[in-house]
Amino acid sequence: MNTFDWTQLINPEFYITLEFAGIQIGLYIVLFIVFAETGLFAGFFLPGDSLLFLSGIYASGSVVDGVYHPGLVDQFVHIDSEFINVLILVSFVALAGILGNMVGYWFGSKSGYYLFKKEDTFWFKKKYLIQSKDFFERYGGKAIIYARFLPIFRTFAPIIAGIVTMDKKKFMFFNIVSSFLWSFTLIFSGHYLFGIFLKNGIDLKNHIEYIVIGIILISTLPVLFKLLKKKVVK
């Protein structure tokens, strides 16, 4: 029996392949993480982009040595079409992201500027909230779309939108568009890049660590660049 290692908590593959009482529950864990990371300020540390990319790889089942290994969507319904499986996963993830942002907006509208007076804790870092506020004020409604692809910002953007009482209809428009765009881009990229590499003899499942590191670097470099640029200007 494999022993649990706490470092697995930052490994997206751990959640995707998770089982409980012999039953695979990865799909539901993925949906919960997406909801939490896009709607609960305590979810900023959860894997987002890398989780969706890897979910695309595991979206459909596969046959290995004559044995069928179910994919994420099989945990809900079995469909023999890879494209439909990926599309279903995109829809589920997008819905979780939409609901998450709605909760974040509601929380922001109710909590107001109380959060800016709150002391830092392990789960809450005020600097992230301030950075997200500056980001939101600069880009307006488009910040909801941009933030989806940026760690930390996607957690706080809907909260800031609620704090500044952004028009609800406008918020929902950008919320829906950004959620589908984010989930579609990353999940389809993961699924079809996996297939392309596999045809060339490279199994991306054997290189998960590099994929995660690469996605983290790609998604965080723009944020780091902005912060460094701001410090240089000062």
Protein backbone atom coordinates (compact mmCIF):
# COMPACT_ATOMS: atom_id res chain seq x y z
CA MET A 1 0.00 0.00 0.00
CA ASN A 2 1.40 3.41 -0.98
CA THR A 3 2.00 5.82 1.89
CA PHE A 4 0.65 9.35 1.65
CA ASP A 5 3.14 12.14 1.08
CA TRP A 6 1.93 15.70 1.77
CA THR A 7 3.86 16.95 -1.28
CA GLN A 8 1.25 15.14 -3.38
CA LEU A 9 -1.14 17.97 -2.52
CA ILE A 10 0.65 20.27 -4.96
CA ASN A 11 0.73 17.61 -7.69
CA PRO A 12 -2.31 17.96 -10.01
CA GLU A 13 -2.04 14.31 -11.09
CA PHE A 14 -2.72 13.25 -7.49
CA TYR A 15 -6.21 14.80 -7.59
CA ILE A 16 -7.02 13.55 -11.09
CA THR A 17 -6.23 9.91 -10.25
CA LEU A 18 -7.64 9.98 -6.71
CA GLU A 19 -9.72 7.04 -5.53
CA PHE A 20 -11.96 6.55 -2.51
CA ALA A 21 -13.04 3.06 -1.41
CA GLY A 22 -11.88 1.75 -4.79
CA ILE A 23 -13.97 4.28 -6.69
CA GLN A 24 -12.36 6.96 -8.85
CA ILE A 25 -13.45 10.45 -7.79
CA GLY A 26 -10.93 12.53 -9.72
CA LEU A 27 -13.57 14.30 -11.83
CA TYR A 28 -15.40 15.61 -8.78
CA ILE A 29 -12.18 16.65 -7.06
CA VAL A 30 -11.14 18.58 -10.18
CA LEU A 31 -14.49 20.37 -10.30
CA PHE A 32 -14.29 21.25 -6.61
CA ILE A 33 -10.75 22.61 -6.98
CA VAL A 34 -11.79 24.76 -9.95
CA PHE A 35 -14.74 26.06 -7.93
CA ALA A 36 -12.56 26.79 -4.89
CA GLU A 37 -9.71 28.40 -6.81
CA THR A 38 -12.06 30.73 -8.69
CA GLY A 39 -14.43 31.57 -5.86
CA LEU A 40 -12.85 31.16 -2.42
CA PHE A 41 -10.00 33.46 -1.42
CA ALA A 42 -8.43 30.51 0.41
CA GLY A 43 -8.09 28.66 -2.88
CA PHE A 44 -5.32 30.76 -4.40
CA PHE A 45 -2.69 28.08 -3.65
CA LEU A 46 -4.53 25.30 -5.48
CA PRO A 47 -3.30 24.07 -8.90
CA GLY A 48 -5.31 25.62 -11.71
CA ASP A 49 -3.83 25.79 -15.19
CA SER A 50 -1.74 22.65 -14.79
CA LEU A 51 -4.76 20.80 -13.36
CA LEU A 52 -6.86 21.62 -16.42
CA PHE A 53 -4.09 20.75 -18.86
CA LEU A 54 -3.59 17.36 -17.21
CA SER A 55 -7.35 16.83 -17.02
CA GLY A 56 -7.37 17.10 -20.81
CA ILE A 57 -4.82 14.28 -20.95
CA TYR A 58 -6.95 12.10 -18.68
CA ALA A 59 -10.33 13.15 -20.12
CA SER A 60 -10.95 9.97 -22.13
CA GLY A 61 -10.29 6.37 -21.26
CA SER A 62 -7.53 4.40 -22.93
CA VAL A 63 -6.72 0.78 -23.67
CA VAL A 64 -3.34 -0.43 -22.40
CA ASP A 65 -2.31 -4.05 -23.00
CA GLY A 66 -5.90 -4.97 -23.75
CA VAL A 67 -7.21 -3.43 -20.51
CA TYR A 68 -9.50 -0.39 -20.58
CA HIS A 69 -8.50 2.37 -18.17
CA PRO A 70 -11.41 4.77 -17.60
CA GLY A 71 -10.91 8.50 -18.03
CA LEU A 72 -12.29 11.39 -15.98
CA VAL A 73 -15.56 11.65 -17.90
CA ASP A 74 -16.17 7.90 -17.45
CA GLN A 75 -16.77 8.67 -13.78
CA PHE A 76 -19.95 10.46 -14.85
CA VAL A 77 -20.97 8.84 -18.15
CA HIS A 78 -19.31 6.51 -20.66
CA ILE A 79 -19.18 7.82 -24.23
CA ASP A 80 -17.08 6.29 -27.01
CA SER A 81 -16.27 9.64 -28.64
CA GLU A 82 -13.03 11.33 -27.51
CA PHE A 83 -14.21 14.72 -28.74
CA ILE A 84 -17.52 14.49 -26.86
CA ASN A 85 -15.71 13.36 -23.72
CA VAL A 86 -13.41 16.38 -23.84
CA LEU A 87 -16.33 18.69 -24.62
CA ILE A 88 -18.26 17.35 -21.61
CA LEU A 89 -15.24 17.91 -19.37
CA VAL A 90 -14.84 21.46 -20.70
CA SER A 91 -18.51 22.17 -19.97
CA PHE A 92 -18.32 20.78 -16.43
CA VAL A 93 -15.14 22.72 -15.64
CA ALA A 94 -16.52 25.92 -17.17
CA LEU A 95 -19.70 25.59 -15.08
CA ALA A 96 -17.62 25.07 -11.91
CA GLY A 97 -15.58 28.17 -12.80
CA ILE A 98 -18.72 30.23 -13.42
CA LEU A 99 -20.26 29.20 -10.09
CA GLY A 100 -16.95 29.84 -8.33
CA ASN A 101 -16.75 33.39 -9.66
CA MET A 102 -20.36 34.02 -8.69
CA VAL A 103 -19.57 33.01 -5.11
CA GLY A 104 -16.47 35.22 -5.19
CA TYR A 105 -18.50 38.18 -6.44
CA TRP A 106 -21.15 37.62 -3.77
CA PHE A 107 -18.49 37.36 -1.05
CA GLY A 108 -16.82 40.56 -2.25
CA SER A 109 -20.10 42.49 -2.34
CA LYS A 110 -20.94 41.37 1.20
CA SER A 111 -17.52 41.74 2.80
CA GLY A 112 -16.63 45.07 1.22
CA TYR A 113 -13.44 46.73 2.31
CA TYR A 114 -13.32 44.67 5.49
CA LEU A 115 -10.89 42.41 3.66
CA PHE A 116 -8.44 45.27 3.17
CA LYS A 117 -8.30 45.73 6.95
CA LYS A 118 -7.92 42.04 7.67
CA GLU A 119 -4.57 40.84 9.01
CA ASP A 120 -2.56 38.30 7.04
CA THR A 121 -3.07 34.63 7.85
CA PHE A 122 -1.89 31.38 6.27
CA TRP A 123 -5.03 31.33 4.12
CA PHE A 124 -5.24 35.05 3.40
CA LYS A 125 -2.56 37.40 2.05
CA LYS A 126 -3.63 41.04 1.73
CA LYS A 127 -0.91 41.80 -0.83
CA TYR A 128 -2.62 39.49 -3.31
CA LEU A 129 -5.89 41.35 -2.83
CA ILE A 130 -4.21 44.73 -3.39
CA GLN A 131 -2.40 43.50 -6.51
CA SER A 132 -5.68 42.12 -7.87
CA LYS A 133 -7.46 45.43 -7.17
CA ASP A 134 -4.80 47.36 -9.13
CA PHE A 135 -5.05 44.81 -11.94
CA PHE A 136 -8.85 45.09 -12.00
CA GLU A 137 -8.88 48.91 -11.99
CA ARG A 138 -6.48 48.95 -14.92
CA TYR A 139 -8.33 46.51 -17.19
CA GLY A 140 -11.94 46.80 -15.98
CA GLY A 141 -14.28 44.01 -17.10
CA LYS A 142 -11.57 42.46 -19.27
CA ALA A 143 -9.68 41.74 -16.06
CA ILE A 144 -12.12 38.89 -15.43
CA ILE A 145 -10.95 37.28 -18.69
CA TYR A 146 -7.25 38.03 -18.19
CA ALA A 147 -7.37 36.86 -14.58
CA ARG A 148 -8.60 33.39 -15.56
CA PHE A 149 -5.18 32.66 -17.01
CA LEU A 150 -3.19 34.16 -14.12
CA PRO A 151 -2.66 32.32 -10.81
CA ILE A 152 -3.79 34.22 -7.71
CA PHE A 153 -5.52 36.92 -9.78
CA ARG A 154 -8.28 34.54 -10.89
CA THR A 155 -9.06 33.90 -7.23
CA PHE A 156 -9.34 37.56 -6.23
CA ALA A 157 -10.71 39.16 -9.42
CA PRO A 158 -14.37 38.19 -8.79
CA ILE A 159 -14.04 39.26 -5.15
CA ILE A 160 -12.74 42.66 -6.26
CA ALA A 161 -15.57 42.89 -8.81
CA GLY A 162 -18.01 42.40 -5.94
CA ILE A 163 -16.24 44.94 -3.74
CA VAL A 164 -16.37 47.65 -6.43
CA THR A 165 -19.99 46.65 -7.20
CA MET A 166 -19.40 45.91 -10.87
CA ASP A 167 -22.65 45.69 -12.82
CA LYS A 168 -23.96 42.14 -12.37
CA LYS A 169 -24.94 41.61 -16.00
CA LYS A 170 -21.55 42.83 -17.20
CA PHE A 171 -19.81 40.64 -14.64
CA MET A 172 -21.78 37.55 -15.67
CA PHE A 173 -20.98 38.14 -19.35
CA PHE A 174 -17.22 38.25 -18.72
CA ASN A 175 -17.56 35.46 -16.16
CA ILE A 176 -19.16 33.05 -18.65
CA VAL A 177 -16.88 33.99 -21.57
CA SER A 178 -13.70 33.74 -19.49
CA SER A 179 -14.65 30.43 -17.89
CA PHE A 180 -15.37 28.67 -21.19
CA LEU A 181 -12.32 30.22 -22.86
CA TRP A 182 -10.03 29.14 -20.00
CA SER A 183 -11.34 25.59 -19.74
CA PHE A 184 -11.57 25.08 -23.52
CA THR A 185 -8.02 26.32 -24.19
CA LEU A 186 -6.25 24.33 -21.49
CA ILE A 187 -8.27 21.10 -21.59
CA PHE A 188 -8.27 20.76 -25.38
CA SER A 189 -4.56 21.71 -25.49
CA GLY A 190 -3.74 19.01 -22.96
CA HIS A 191 -5.80 16.36 -24.72
CA TYR A 192 -4.64 16.92 -28.27
CA LEU A 193 -1.01 17.72 -27.49
CA PHE A 194 -0.94 14.44 -25.59
CA GLY A 195 -2.17 12.65 -28.71
CA ILE A 196 0.33 14.41 -30.97
CA PHE A 197 3.29 13.60 -28.73
CA LEU A 198 2.11 10.01 -28.26
CA LYS A 199 2.15 9.47 -32.03
CA ASN A 200 5.79 10.53 -31.95
CA GLY A 201 6.63 8.05 -29.21
CA ILE A 202 6.47 10.48 -26.28
CA ASP A 203 4.01 9.77 -23.46
CA LEU A 204 3.37 13.05 -21.64
CA LYS A 205 2.09 11.08 -18.65
CA ASN A 206 5.72 10.14 -18.01
CA HIS A 207 6.75 13.79 -17.94
CA ILE A 208 4.12 15.28 -15.62
CA GLU A 209 6.67 17.11 -13.45
CA TYR A 210 8.09 18.99 -16.44
CA ILE A 211 4.62 19.85 -17.68
CA VAL A 212 3.58 21.28 -14.31
CA ILE A 213 6.78 23.30 -13.96
CA GLY A 214 6.46 24.59 -17.53
CA ILE A 215 2.84 25.70 -17.09
CA ILE A 216 3.61 27.37 -13.76
CA LEU A 217 6.47 29.32 -15.36
CA ILE A 218 4.39 30.33 -18.38
CA SER A 219 1.45 31.47 -16.25
CA THR A 220 3.46 33.28 -13.57
CA LEU A 221 6.13 34.99 -15.67
CA PRO A 222 3.76 37.78 -16.84
CA VAL A 223 2.82 38.47 -13.20
CA LEU A 224 6.44 38.50 -12.05
CA PHE A 225 7.40 40.75 -14.96
CA LYS A 226 4.70 43.26 -14.03
CA LEU A 227 5.75 43.28 -10.38
CA LEU A 228 9.44 43.70 -11.21
CA LYS A 229 8.64 46.44 -13.69
CA LYS A 230 6.59 48.24 -11.06
CA LYS A 231 9.47 48.07 -8.57
CA VAL A 232 11.95 49.37 -11.17
CA VAL A 233 9.68 52.31 -11.98
CA LYS A 234 9.42 53.16 -8.30
